[in-house]
Amino acid sequence: MKRLVECIVAARRADAAADTSAWEREMDERVYRLYLPAPRLRQAGGLTPEEIQIVEGTAK
């Protein structure tokens, strides 16, 4: 995680408009894997993209 943050910070320092979305997505995915609340979901392979949208409040 630290390395991802360093990459994002370095990119933004070099160019405030830099696209860091890939690194940000990677961080999100790692957090979901680390803190997935339900053991049965972890065993089932984690959250689906739709469930992630719900968690992030971006569900349509």
N, C-alpha and C. Protein backbone atom coordinates (compact mmCIF):
# COMPACT_ATOMS: atom_id res chain seq x y z
N MET A 1 0.83 -1.18 0.00
CA MET A 1 0.00 0.00 0.00
C MET A 1 0.88 1.25 0.00
N LYS A 2 1.91 1.20 0.81
CA LYS A 2 2.79 2.37 0.89
C LYS A 2 3.35 2.71 -0.48
N ARG A 3 3.76 1.71 -1.22
CA ARG A 3 4.33 1.95 -2.55
C ARG A 3 3.29 2.56 -3.49
N LEU A 4 2.06 2.11 -3.41
CA LEU A 4 1.00 2.68 -4.24
C LEU A 4 0.79 4.15 -3.91
N VAL A 5 0.77 4.47 -2.63
CA VAL A 5 0.60 5.86 -2.21
C VAL A 5 1.76 6.70 -2.72
N GLU A 6 2.97 6.18 -2.61
CA GLU A 6 4.14 6.91 -3.09
C GLU A 6 4.05 7.16 -4.60
N CYS A 7 3.57 6.19 -5.34
CA CYS A 7 3.40 6.36 -6.79
C CYS A 7 2.39 7.44 -7.10
N ILE A 8 1.28 7.43 -6.38
CA ILE A 8 0.23 8.43 -6.60
C ILE A 8 0.76 9.83 -6.28
N VAL A 9 1.42 9.96 -5.13
CA VAL A 9 1.94 11.26 -4.71
C VAL A 9 2.97 11.77 -5.71
N ALA A 10 3.89 10.91 -6.14
CA ALA A 10 4.91 11.32 -7.10
C ALA A 10 4.29 11.76 -8.42
N ALA A 11 3.32 11.01 -8.89
CA ALA A 11 2.66 11.36 -10.15
C ALA A 11 1.93 12.69 -10.04
N ARG A 12 1.26 12.92 -8.92
CA ARG A 12 0.52 14.17 -8.74
C ARG A 12 1.45 15.36 -8.55
N ARG A 13 2.61 15.12 -7.93
CA ARG A 13 3.59 16.21 -7.80
C ARG A 13 4.13 16.61 -9.16
N ALA A 14 4.36 15.63 -10.01
CA ALA A 14 4.88 15.90 -11.35
C ALA A 14 3.83 16.55 -12.23
N ASP A 15 2.58 16.15 -12.04
CA ASP A 15 1.48 16.67 -12.86
C ASP A 15 0.19 16.55 -12.06
N ALA A 16 -0.34 17.68 -11.63
CA ALA A 16 -1.54 17.67 -10.78
C ALA A 16 -2.72 16.98 -11.45
N ALA A 17 -2.71 16.92 -12.77
CA ALA A 17 -3.81 16.29 -13.50
C ALA A 17 -3.50 14.85 -13.90
N ALA A 18 -2.44 14.29 -13.34
CA ALA A 18 -2.04 12.92 -13.70
C ALA A 18 -3.15 11.93 -13.40
N ASP A 19 -3.28 10.95 -14.28
CA ASP A 19 -4.29 9.90 -14.09
C ASP A 19 -3.71 8.83 -13.18
N THR A 20 -4.18 8.80 -11.96
CA THR A 20 -3.71 7.82 -10.97
C THR A 20 -4.79 6.80 -10.67
N SER A 21 -5.79 6.73 -11.51
CA SER A 21 -6.95 5.87 -11.23
C SER A 21 -6.58 4.39 -11.15
N ALA A 22 -5.62 3.93 -11.93
CA ALA A 22 -5.24 2.51 -11.87
C ALA A 22 -4.65 2.18 -10.50
N TRP A 23 -3.81 3.04 -9.99
CA TRP A 23 -3.24 2.82 -8.65
C TRP A 23 -4.32 2.91 -7.58
N GLU A 24 -5.22 3.86 -7.75
CA GLU A 24 -6.31 4.00 -6.77
C GLU A 24 -7.20 2.77 -6.77
N ARG A 25 -7.50 2.23 -7.94
CA ARG A 25 -8.29 1.00 -8.03
C ARG A 25 -7.57 -0.16 -7.36
N GLU A 26 -6.27 -0.25 -7.58
CA GLU A 26 -5.48 -1.31 -6.95
C GLU A 26 -5.55 -1.19 -5.42
N MET A 27 -5.48 0.03 -4.91
CA MET A 27 -5.60 0.23 -3.46
C MET A 27 -6.97 -0.21 -2.98
N ASP A 28 -8.01 0.18 -3.70
CA ASP A 28 -9.37 -0.23 -3.33
C ASP A 28 -9.48 -1.75 -3.27
N GLU A 29 -8.98 -2.41 -4.30
CA GLU A 29 -9.06 -3.87 -4.34
C GLU A 29 -8.33 -4.51 -3.17
N ARG A 30 -7.18 -3.97 -2.81
CA ARG A 30 -6.43 -4.51 -1.67
C ARG A 30 -7.19 -4.31 -0.36
N VAL A 31 -7.80 -3.15 -0.21
CA VAL A 31 -8.57 -2.88 1.00
C VAL A 31 -9.76 -3.83 1.09
N TYR A 32 -10.45 -4.05 -0.03
CA TYR A 32 -11.59 -4.97 -0.02
C TYR A 32 -11.13 -6.37 0.38
N ARG A 33 -9.98 -6.79 -0.13
CA ARG A 33 -9.47 -8.13 0.22
C ARG A 33 -9.09 -8.21 1.69
N LEU A 34 -8.51 -7.13 2.22
CA LEU A 34 -8.07 -7.13 3.62
C LEU A 34 -9.22 -7.08 4.60
N TYR A 35 -10.21 -6.26 4.28
CA TYR A 35 -11.25 -5.96 5.27
C TYR A 35 -12.62 -6.50 4.92
N LEU A 36 -12.68 -7.45 4.00
CA LEU A 36 -13.96 -8.05 3.66
C LEU A 36 -14.58 -8.60 4.93
N PRO A 37 -15.75 -8.09 5.33
CA PRO A 37 -16.29 -8.38 6.65
C PRO A 37 -16.80 -9.80 6.89
N ALA A 38 -17.29 -10.47 5.91
CA ALA A 38 -17.94 -11.76 6.15
C ALA A 38 -17.06 -12.91 5.66
N PRO A 39 -16.69 -13.83 6.57
CA PRO A 39 -15.86 -14.97 6.16
C PRO A 39 -16.47 -15.78 5.02
N ARG A 40 -17.80 -15.93 5.00
CA ARG A 40 -18.40 -16.72 3.92
C ARG A 40 -18.24 -16.04 2.58
N LEU A 41 -18.24 -14.70 2.55
CA LEU A 41 -18.00 -13.99 1.30
C LEU A 41 -16.55 -14.16 0.86
N ARG A 42 -15.65 -14.12 1.83
CA ARG A 42 -14.24 -14.33 1.53
C ARG A 42 -14.04 -15.70 0.89
N GLN A 43 -14.72 -16.69 1.44
CA GLN A 43 -14.61 -18.05 0.90
C GLN A 43 -15.24 -18.14 -0.48
N ALA A 44 -16.22 -17.32 -0.74
CA ALA A 44 -16.91 -17.34 -2.03
C ALA A 44 -16.16 -16.56 -3.10
N GLY A 45 -15.03 -15.96 -2.74
CA GLY A 45 -14.23 -15.26 -3.73
C GLY A 45 -14.30 -13.75 -3.64
N GLY A 46 -14.94 -13.21 -2.62
CA GLY A 46 -14.95 -11.77 -2.44
C GLY A 46 -16.18 -11.10 -3.01
N LEU A 47 -16.07 -9.80 -3.12
CA LEU A 47 -17.19 -8.99 -3.60
C LEU A 47 -17.24 -9.00 -5.12
N THR A 48 -18.44 -8.96 -5.64
CA THR A 48 -18.63 -8.81 -7.08
C THR A 48 -18.48 -7.33 -7.42
N PRO A 49 -18.29 -7.00 -8.69
CA PRO A 49 -18.22 -5.59 -9.07
C PRO A 49 -19.47 -4.82 -8.65
N GLU A 50 -20.62 -5.46 -8.73
CA GLU A 50 -21.87 -4.80 -8.33
C GLU A 50 -21.88 -4.51 -6.83
N GLU A 51 -21.38 -5.46 -6.03
CA GLU A 51 -21.32 -5.26 -4.58
C GLU A 51 -20.33 -4.15 -4.22
N ILE A 52 -19.25 -4.06 -4.96
CA ILE A 52 -18.28 -2.99 -4.73
C ILE A 52 -18.93 -1.64 -5.02
N GLN A 53 -19.73 -1.54 -6.07
CA GLN A 53 -20.43 -0.30 -6.37
C GLN A 53 -21.35 0.09 -5.22
N ILE A 54 -22.01 -0.88 -4.62
CA ILE A 54 -22.88 -0.59 -3.48
C ILE A 54 -22.07 -0.06 -2.32
N VAL A 55 -20.94 -0.71 -2.02
CA VAL A 55 -20.07 -0.27 -0.92
C VAL A 55 -19.59 1.16 -1.16
N GLU A 56 -19.23 1.46 -2.40
CA GLU A 56 -18.72 2.78 -2.73
C GLU A 56 -19.82 3.82 -2.92
N GLY A 57 -21.06 3.38 -2.90
CA GLY A 57 -22.16 4.32 -3.07
C GLY A 57 -22.36 4.77 -4.50
N THR A 58 -21.88 3.99 -5.45
CA THR A 58 -22.00 4.37 -6.86
C THR A 58 -22.96 3.49 -7.63
N ALA A 59 -23.73 2.69 -6.92
CA ALA A 59 -24.68 1.80 -7.60
C ALA A 59 -25.73 2.63 -8.33
N LYS A 60 -26.13 2.13 -9.48
CA LYS A 60 -27.12 2.86 -10.28
C LYS A 60 -28.51 2.36 -9.97
